Amino acid sequence: METPIRIASRFPDMGTTIFTVMSKLAADCGAVNLSQGFPDFQAEPELFDALHRHMKAGRNQYAPMAGMPELRAAIADKVAALYGTRFDADSEVTVTAGATQAIFTAVAAFVRPGDEVIVFEPVYDSYGPAIEAVGGTVVRARLQFPNYAPDWAQVRALVSERTRMIILNSPHNPTGAVLSAVDLGELAKIVAGTDIVLLSDEVYEHILFDGRPHLSLCGHPELAPRSLVVSSFGKTYHITGWKIGYVVGPAALCAEFRKIHQFNVFTVHGPSQLALADYMQDASRHLGLAAFYQEKRDAFRALLAATPLELLPCAGTYFQLARYTAISGLPDRAFADWLTREVGVAVIPVSAFHADGHDERVVRFCFAKRPETLEAAAGRLCKGFAKQC
């Protein structure tokens, strides 16, 4: 249907997210989809049984705006056990409609027109649009290839009187890099004595490898008082389609967050929250996630060892980066397109996470898949690269 309305787009250059583009291309081409970050396996039946039980019990009306008390209490207990910080379940924990909504709401609550927000490239693609939607300016620091470590001298130079927020992401999507204690110490020095709010995207907090601990900003005594920390049940319990996450932080920051949250979401699906509260009582379900995904990471890397791909370090998340310069000189978007159409494996080009299209000839694979899916993908890659080489 045509409209007579003249539209002055707020984002005239914004297209469809790369995840949607590559997943559609994978479906159209019959490719193994290792592009979009979602598991192709189910959560445990106990979670679905709990959801059904609460629905049958009649818990189907509006949940409180901040989240079901049972779930907020369970979140507060988990955070205290892991990071040593006890957040008040009533005033310092908010259940959200996924992590992306939490990030957008946090930005909307604190960033004003003309404010600057520092992000780290390659950067997850929802941060920039959230900042620009409220009139903020995105300021980009670049993570250092190939380990994707922050350059704190660069960050310090980017901080100005207009800096309102710094967005962190660890474990980092798309690179799998993890912030260290030294990194948090450098960050603390930079923000000391300022009014900078820290927004920490920690949705992969339980997926770290080789014995690395997760150093949450909410567990750092100097950073916690100025931080909103975001996590995701979708990533932790293999239920990305449920779109349920949460935010923890000081009461004063959470109060501002909730002023926006109550009107752009109001509340999140109630029975699902109650099911998650029940399911969280067994801590092994999140504490065992690192070993579960490390087995997948190691198996996938072993499968790809026979290919000419250069596998980059993967300290966390369920993503593996690979450099393909031994195979092709194509730009990464063209290579990802070729890989999907001709080889039958869909990936994400990492230049999509750079505003200027910075291209290091690296693509991202998602290994949150069943063994047979990863084996099928590896078989196609070995066969396709043999032809190409």
Protein backbone atom coordinates (compact mmCIF):
# COMPACT_ATOMS: atom_id res chain seq x y z
CA MET A 1 0.00 0.00 0.00
CA GLU A 2 1.31 3.45 -0.88
CA THR A 3 1.12 6.32 1.58
CA PRO A 4 0.63 10.02 0.77
CA ILE A 5 2.76 10.96 3.77
CA ARG A 6 6.17 12.45 3.17
CA ILE A 7 8.65 10.75 5.47
CA ALA A 8 11.87 12.38 6.60
CA SER A 9 13.64 9.27 7.87
CA ARG A 10 15.50 9.65 11.12
CA PHE A 11 17.94 7.00 9.90
CA PRO A 12 18.05 7.35 6.11
CA ASP A 13 21.20 5.25 5.75
CA MET A 14 20.16 2.45 8.10
CA GLY A 15 19.46 -0.87 6.44
CA THR A 16 18.45 -4.29 7.72
CA THR A 17 20.69 -5.77 10.40
CA ILE A 18 23.44 -8.07 9.10
CA PHE A 19 22.06 -10.92 11.22
CA THR A 20 18.71 -10.81 9.43
CA VAL A 21 20.41 -10.51 6.03
CA MET A 22 22.70 -13.50 6.54
CA SER A 23 20.06 -15.72 8.15
CA LYS A 24 17.71 -15.06 5.22
CA LEU A 25 20.49 -15.78 2.75
CA ALA A 26 21.28 -19.01 4.59
CA ALA A 27 17.63 -20.09 4.37
CA ASP A 28 17.40 -19.13 0.69
CA CYS A 29 20.57 -21.06 -0.17
CA GLY A 30 20.04 -24.07 2.10
CA ALA A 31 23.26 -23.22 3.93
CA VAL A 32 24.25 -24.32 7.41
CA ASN A 33 23.55 -21.18 9.42
CA LEU A 34 26.49 -20.34 11.69
CA SER A 35 25.80 -16.63 11.35
CA GLN A 36 23.11 -15.54 13.80
CA GLY A 37 23.87 -16.24 17.45
CA PHE A 38 21.24 -18.72 18.55
CA PRO A 39 21.43 -22.39 19.59
CA ASP A 40 19.84 -25.08 17.45
CA PHE A 41 19.13 -27.22 20.53
CA GLN A 42 16.54 -27.04 23.29
CA ALA A 43 16.71 -26.02 26.90
CA GLU A 44 16.08 -28.66 29.55
CA PRO A 45 12.47 -29.91 29.85
CA GLU A 46 12.36 -28.77 33.49
CA LEU A 47 12.25 -25.15 32.37
CA PHE A 48 9.28 -25.74 30.07
CA ASP A 49 7.55 -27.80 32.75
CA ALA A 50 7.91 -24.91 35.19
CA LEU A 51 6.47 -22.47 32.63
CA HIS A 52 3.49 -24.74 32.00
CA ARG A 53 2.93 -25.20 35.73
CA HIS A 54 2.74 -21.46 36.37
CA MET A 55 0.49 -20.85 33.39
CA LYS A 56 -1.89 -23.61 34.52
CA ALA A 57 -1.86 -22.13 38.03
CA GLY A 58 -3.29 -18.89 36.66
CA ARG A 59 -0.20 -16.66 36.88
CA ASN A 60 -1.04 -15.04 33.55
CA GLN A 61 -1.80 -11.40 34.34
CA TYR A 62 0.52 -8.39 34.30
CA ALA A 63 3.76 -8.84 36.17
CA PRO A 64 4.99 -5.89 38.27
CA MET A 65 6.75 -3.28 36.15
CA ALA A 66 10.20 -4.07 37.59
CA GLY A 67 9.71 -7.84 37.32
CA MET A 68 8.29 -10.67 39.38
CA PRO A 69 9.60 -10.48 42.98
CA GLU A 70 10.59 -14.15 42.84
CA LEU A 71 12.83 -13.60 39.83
CA ARG A 72 14.35 -10.36 41.11
CA ALA A 73 15.24 -12.11 44.37
CA ALA A 74 16.81 -15.01 42.46
CA ILE A 75 18.86 -12.58 40.36
CA ALA A 76 20.05 -10.70 43.45
CA ASP A 77 21.10 -13.99 45.06
CA LYS A 78 22.98 -15.13 41.95
CA VAL A 79 24.87 -11.85 41.54
CA ALA A 80 25.81 -11.80 45.24
CA ALA A 81 27.09 -15.39 45.08
CA LEU A 82 29.16 -14.76 41.96
CA TYR A 83 30.46 -11.22 42.39
CA GLY A 84 30.12 -10.40 46.08
CA THR A 85 27.75 -7.46 45.61
CA ARG A 86 24.29 -7.62 47.16
CA PHE A 87 21.77 -5.61 45.13
CA ASP A 88 18.40 -4.78 46.63
CA ALA A 89 15.84 -6.86 44.78
CA ASP A 90 13.18 -4.15 45.08
CA SER A 91 15.11 -1.11 43.91
CA GLU A 92 18.25 -2.34 42.14
CA VAL A 93 17.11 -5.21 39.90
CA THR A 94 14.87 -4.81 36.84
CA VAL A 95 13.69 -7.57 34.51
CA THR A 96 13.71 -6.54 30.84
CA ALA A 97 12.45 -7.73 27.48
CA GLY A 98 15.89 -9.00 26.54
CA ALA A 99 19.29 -7.37 26.72
CA THR A 100 18.78 -5.18 23.64
CA GLN A 101 15.81 -3.46 25.27
CA ALA A 102 17.81 -3.02 28.46
CA ILE A 103 20.65 -1.36 26.55
CA PHE A 104 18.31 0.95 24.61
CA THR A 105 16.45 1.93 27.77
CA ALA A 106 19.66 2.64 29.68
CA VAL A 107 20.92 4.87 26.88
CA ALA A 108 17.58 6.68 26.69
CA ALA A 109 17.58 7.24 30.44
CA PHE A 110 20.98 8.96 30.62
CA VAL A 111 22.06 10.28 27.22
CA ARG A 112 20.85 13.72 26.15
CA PRO A 113 21.21 15.45 22.77
CA GLY A 114 24.84 16.44 22.34
CA ASP A 115 26.16 13.91 24.86
CA GLU A 116 28.92 11.55 23.73
CA VAL A 117 29.02 7.80 24.31
CA ILE A 118 32.22 5.83 23.86
CA VAL A 119 31.89 2.35 22.35
CA PHE A 120 34.53 -0.21 21.32
CA GLU A 121 34.75 -1.37 17.71
CA PRO A 122 34.06 -3.91 16.42
CA VAL A 123 30.84 -3.04 18.24
CA TYR A 124 27.57 -4.90 18.57
CA ASP A 125 25.20 -3.29 16.11
CA SER A 126 22.43 -2.10 18.46
CA TYR A 127 24.56 0.35 20.47
CA GLY A 128 25.01 3.03 17.82
CA PRO A 129 21.35 3.31 16.78
CA ALA A 130 20.27 3.52 20.44
CA ILE A 131 22.68 6.40 21.05
CA GLU A 132 21.74 8.26 17.88
CA ALA A 133 17.99 7.76 18.47
CA VAL A 134 18.18 9.95 21.57
CA GLY A 135 20.42 12.57 19.97
CA GLY A 136 23.71 11.34 21.36
CA THR A 137 27.00 11.11 19.48
CA VAL A 138 28.83 7.80 19.06
CA VAL A 139 32.56 8.01 19.78
CA ARG A 140 34.46 4.93 18.65
CA ALA A 141 37.54 3.40 20.23
CA ARG A 142 39.09 0.55 18.25
CA LEU A 143 40.01 -2.79 19.82
CA GLN A 144 43.47 -3.94 18.80
CA PHE A 145 43.72 -6.78 16.31
CA PRO A 146 44.22 -9.76 16.66
CA ASN A 147 43.49 -10.09 20.42
CA TYR A 148 40.97 -7.23 20.41
CA ALA A 149 42.28 -5.64 23.58
CA PRO A 150 41.30 -2.06 24.47
CA ASP A 151 43.82 0.73 24.00
CA TRP A 152 43.22 2.64 27.22
CA ALA A 153 45.43 5.55 26.16
CA GLN A 154 43.14 6.00 23.17
CA VAL A 155 40.06 5.80 25.39
CA ARG A 156 41.50 8.40 27.76
CA ALA A 157 42.11 10.72 24.81
CA LEU A 158 38.51 10.28 23.63
CA VAL A 159 36.97 11.29 26.96
CA SER A 160 35.72 14.87 26.94
CA GLU A 161 33.42 17.12 28.93
CA ARG A 162 30.58 15.79 26.78
CA THR A 163 31.25 12.11 27.56
CA ARG A 164 28.15 10.84 29.35
CA MET A 165 28.51 7.08 29.01
CA ILE A 166 30.96 4.32 28.13
CA ILE A 167 29.52 1.02 26.91
CA LEU A 168 31.51 -2.12 27.71
CA ASN A 169 30.91 -5.64 26.42
CA SER A 170 32.69 -8.58 28.02
CA PRO A 171 32.82 -11.37 27.00
CA HIS A 172 32.79 -9.48 23.72
CA ASN A 173 30.56 -10.03 20.72
CA PRO A 174 31.81 -10.53 18.01
CA THR A 175 35.43 -11.15 19.02
CA GLY A 176 35.23 -13.40 22.09
CA ALA A 177 37.70 -11.15 23.95
CA VAL A 178 37.43 -10.80 27.73
CA LEU A 179 38.30 -7.82 29.95
CA SER A 180 41.01 -8.43 32.54
CA ALA A 181 41.55 -7.04 36.03
CA VAL A 182 44.13 -4.68 34.52
CA ASP A 183 41.51 -3.45 32.04
CA LEU A 184 39.03 -2.70 34.82
CA GLY A 185 41.72 -0.89 36.76
CA GLU A 186 42.54 1.31 33.77
CA LEU A 187 38.84 2.04 33.25
CA ALA A 188 38.46 3.00 36.91
CA LYS A 189 41.29 5.52 36.58
CA ILE A 190 39.69 7.08 33.51
CA VAL A 191 36.23 7.58 35.01
CA ALA A 192 37.31 8.57 38.52
CA GLY A 193 35.95 11.98 39.47
CA THR A 194 33.60 12.18 36.48
CA ASP A 195 29.84 11.78 36.01
CA ILE A 196 30.31 9.10 33.37
CA VAL A 197 27.79 6.25 33.52
CA LEU A 198 29.10 2.80 32.63
CA LEU A 199 26.78 0.43 30.76
CA SER A 200 28.16 -3.10 30.80
CA ASP A 201 26.76 -5.68 28.40
CA GLU A 202 27.60 -8.99 30.10
CA VAL A 203 25.15 -11.32 28.38
CA TYR A 204 27.85 -13.99 27.93
CA GLU A 205 28.94 -13.77 31.57
CA HIS A 206 28.78 -17.55 32.05
CA ILE A 207 30.59 -18.48 28.83
CA LEU A 208 34.33 -18.09 29.48
CA PHE A 209 36.99 -20.65 28.70
CA ASP A 210 40.23 -22.13 29.99
CA GLY A 211 39.46 -21.29 33.60
CA ARG A 212 39.07 -17.54 33.10
CA PRO A 213 36.85 -15.83 35.68
CA HIS A 214 34.22 -13.33 34.62
CA LEU A 215 35.08 -9.93 36.08
CA SER A 216 31.75 -8.16 36.25
CA LEU A 217 31.69 -4.40 36.67
CA CYS A 218 29.16 -4.93 39.45
CA GLY A 219 31.86 -6.76 41.42
CA HIS A 220 34.41 -3.93 41.16
CA PRO A 221 34.26 -1.56 44.17
CA GLU A 222 35.16 1.57 42.15
CA LEU A 223 33.10 0.77 39.05
CA ALA A 224 29.93 -0.75 40.54
CA PRO A 225 28.57 2.56 41.95
CA ARG A 226 28.43 4.07 38.44
CA SER A 227 27.47 0.94 36.45
CA LEU A 228 24.35 -0.60 35.00
CA VAL A 229 25.08 -4.26 34.25
CA VAL A 230 22.99 -6.17 31.70
CA SER A 231 22.62 -9.92 31.37
CA SER A 232 20.44 -12.34 29.40
CA PHE A 233 18.54 -15.48 30.25
CA GLY A 234 18.29 -16.19 26.54
CA LYS A 235 22.05 -16.67 26.26
CA THR A 236 22.38 -18.53 29.55
CA TYR A 237 19.54 -21.03 29.18
CA HIS A 238 19.39 -21.46 25.35
CA ILE A 239 16.07 -19.60 25.04
CA THR A 240 16.89 -16.55 22.93
CA GLY A 241 13.32 -16.40 21.67
CA TRP A 242 11.97 -15.74 25.17
CA LYS A 243 13.68 -12.32 25.10
CA ILE A 244 14.12 -11.94 28.85
CA GLY A 245 17.09 -10.23 30.45
CA TYR A 246 17.80 -8.01 33.41
CA VAL A 247 19.68 -4.97 34.69
CA VAL A 248 21.34 -4.51 38.06
CA GLY A 249 22.84 -1.31 39.41
CA PRO A 250 22.70 1.33 42.15
CA ALA A 251 19.21 2.42 43.16
CA ALA A 252 19.63 5.97 41.82
CA LEU A 253 20.61 4.71 38.36
CA CYS A 254 17.89 2.06 38.35
CA ALA A 255 15.26 4.64 39.27
CA GLU A 256 16.10 6.62 36.14
CA PHE A 257 16.18 3.41 34.08
CA ARG A 258 12.71 2.45 35.27
CA LYS A 259 11.26 5.83 34.30
CA ILE A 260 11.85 4.85 30.66
CA HIS A 261 11.30 1.11 31.08
CA GLN A 262 7.77 1.58 32.44
CA PHE A 263 6.66 3.26 29.21
CA ASN A 264 8.61 1.50 26.47
CA VAL A 265 7.96 -2.02 27.82
CA PHE A 266 6.11 -1.70 31.14
CA THR A 267 6.42 -5.38 31.98
CA VAL A 268 7.71 -8.74 30.78
CA HIS A 269 5.88 -12.05 30.30
CA GLY A 270 4.94 -13.17 33.82
CA PRO A 271 4.83 -16.98 33.69
CA SER A 272 8.24 -17.08 32.01
CA GLN A 273 9.71 -15.01 34.84
CA LEU A 274 8.33 -17.40 37.43
CA ALA A 275 9.67 -20.38 35.51
CA LEU A 276 13.12 -18.81 35.38
CA ALA A 277 13.02 -18.08 39.10
CA ASP A 278 12.37 -21.76 39.77
CA TYR A 279 14.99 -22.93 37.28
CA MET A 280 17.71 -20.67 38.70
CA GLN A 281 17.58 -22.41 42.06
CA ASP A 282 19.96 -25.04 40.67
CA ALA A 283 23.12 -22.97 40.22
CA SER A 284 24.83 -25.72 38.22
CA ARG A 285 22.64 -24.73 35.29
CA HIS A 286 24.59 -21.50 34.81
CA LEU A 287 27.83 -22.52 36.48
CA GLY A 288 28.20 -25.47 34.10
CA LEU A 289 27.78 -23.37 30.98
CA ALA A 290 31.49 -22.63 30.50
CA ALA A 291 32.43 -26.31 30.30
CA PHE A 292 29.45 -27.05 28.06
CA TYR A 293 30.47 -24.42 25.51
CA GLN A 294 34.21 -25.00 25.84
CA GLU A 295 33.62 -28.55 24.62
CA LYS A 296 31.82 -27.12 21.59
CA ARG A 297 34.52 -24.50 20.99
CA ASP A 298 37.31 -27.07 21.14
CA ALA A 299 35.45 -29.52 18.91
CA PHE A 300 34.70 -26.84 16.33
CA ARG A 301 38.29 -25.58 16.30
CA ALA A 302 39.50 -29.16 15.83
CA LEU A 303 37.12 -29.62 12.90
CA LEU A 304 38.41 -26.44 11.26
CA ALA A 305 42.07 -27.31 11.82
CA ALA A 306 42.14 -29.04 8.43
CA THR A 307 41.10 -25.83 6.64
CA PRO A 308 43.29 -22.87 5.66
CA LEU A 309 41.35 -20.62 8.05
CA GLU A 310 43.40 -18.79 10.68
CA LEU A 311 41.48 -19.25 13.91
CA LEU A 312 41.77 -16.26 16.25
CA PRO A 313 41.73 -16.54 20.06
CA CYS A 314 38.33 -17.21 21.63
CA ALA A 315 38.31 -16.51 25.36
CA GLY A 316 34.52 -16.37 25.77
CA THR A 317 31.07 -16.22 24.08
CA TYR A 318 29.94 -18.85 21.58
CA PHE A 319 31.58 -17.17 18.60
CA GLN A 320 34.77 -18.09 16.77
CA LEU A 321 36.54 -15.55 14.56
CA ALA A 322 38.61 -16.71 11.60
CA ARG A 323 40.84 -14.86 9.16
CA TYR A 324 40.58 -16.16 5.59
CA THR A 325 43.43 -14.39 3.78
CA ALA A 326 45.00 -17.75 2.83
CA ILE A 327 41.82 -18.58 0.90
CA SER A 328 40.62 -15.36 -0.70
CA GLY A 329 41.37 -11.70 -1.20
CA LEU A 330 37.69 -10.78 -1.27
CA PRO A 331 36.33 -8.17 1.16
CA ASP A 332 34.68 -9.90 4.09
CA ARG A 333 31.10 -9.14 3.00
CA ALA A 334 31.77 -10.60 -0.44
CA PHE A 335 33.53 -13.57 1.12
CA ALA A 336 30.59 -14.22 3.46
CA ASP A 337 28.23 -14.06 0.49
CA TRP A 338 30.41 -16.49 -1.50
CA LEU A 339 30.73 -18.81 1.49
CA THR A 340 26.97 -18.94 1.91
CA ARG A 341 26.07 -19.35 -1.75
CA GLU A 342 28.88 -21.55 -3.01
CA VAL A 343 30.12 -23.46 0.03
CA GLY A 344 26.84 -23.63 1.96
CA VAL A 345 27.90 -22.16 5.32
CA ALA A 346 26.60 -18.77 6.52
CA VAL A 347 28.82 -16.50 8.64
CA ILE A 348 28.91 -12.84 9.71
CA PRO A 349 31.48 -10.46 8.18
CA VAL A 350 33.17 -8.60 11.03
CA SER A 351 33.33 -5.34 9.04
CA ALA A 352 29.58 -5.10 9.76
CA PHE A 353 30.56 -4.21 13.34
CA HIS A 354 32.56 -1.16 12.16
CA ALA A 355 30.85 2.09 11.17
CA ASP A 356 33.47 2.73 8.49
CA GLY A 357 33.47 -0.84 7.21
CA HIS A 358 37.00 -1.50 8.51
CA ASP A 359 37.89 -4.89 7.07
CA GLU A 360 40.58 -7.20 8.46
CA ARG A 361 39.32 -10.14 6.35
CA VAL A 362 37.74 -11.81 9.36
CA VAL A 363 34.38 -13.61 9.68
CA ARG A 364 32.43 -14.82 12.71
CA PHE A 365 31.14 -18.37 13.19
CA CYS A 366 28.57 -19.29 15.87
CA PHE A 367 29.31 -22.67 17.46
CA ALA A 368 26.21 -22.80 19.70
CA LYS A 369 25.03 -25.75 17.65
CA ARG A 370 24.54 -29.49 17.88
CA PRO A 371 27.60 -31.64 17.03
CA GLU A 372 26.00 -32.81 13.80
CA THR A 373 25.44 -29.19 12.71
CA LEU A 374 29.06 -28.26 13.33
CA GLU A 375 30.28 -31.43 11.60
CA ALA A 376 28.11 -30.71 8.58
CA ALA A 377 29.42 -27.16 8.38
CA ALA A 378 33.04 -28.28 8.72
CA GLY A 379 32.55 -30.89 6.00
CA ARG A 380 31.25 -28.27 3.61
CA LEU A 381 34.07 -25.88 4.47
CA CYS A 382 36.80 -28.49 3.92
CA LYS A 383 35.27 -29.49 0.60
CA GLY A 384 34.63 -25.91 -0.54
CA PHE A 385 38.09 -24.62 0.44
CA ALA A 386 39.77 -27.57 -1.30
CA LYS A 387 38.11 -26.46 -4.54
CA GLN A 388 38.98 -22.84 -3.94
CA CYS A 389 42.62 -23.56 -3.12
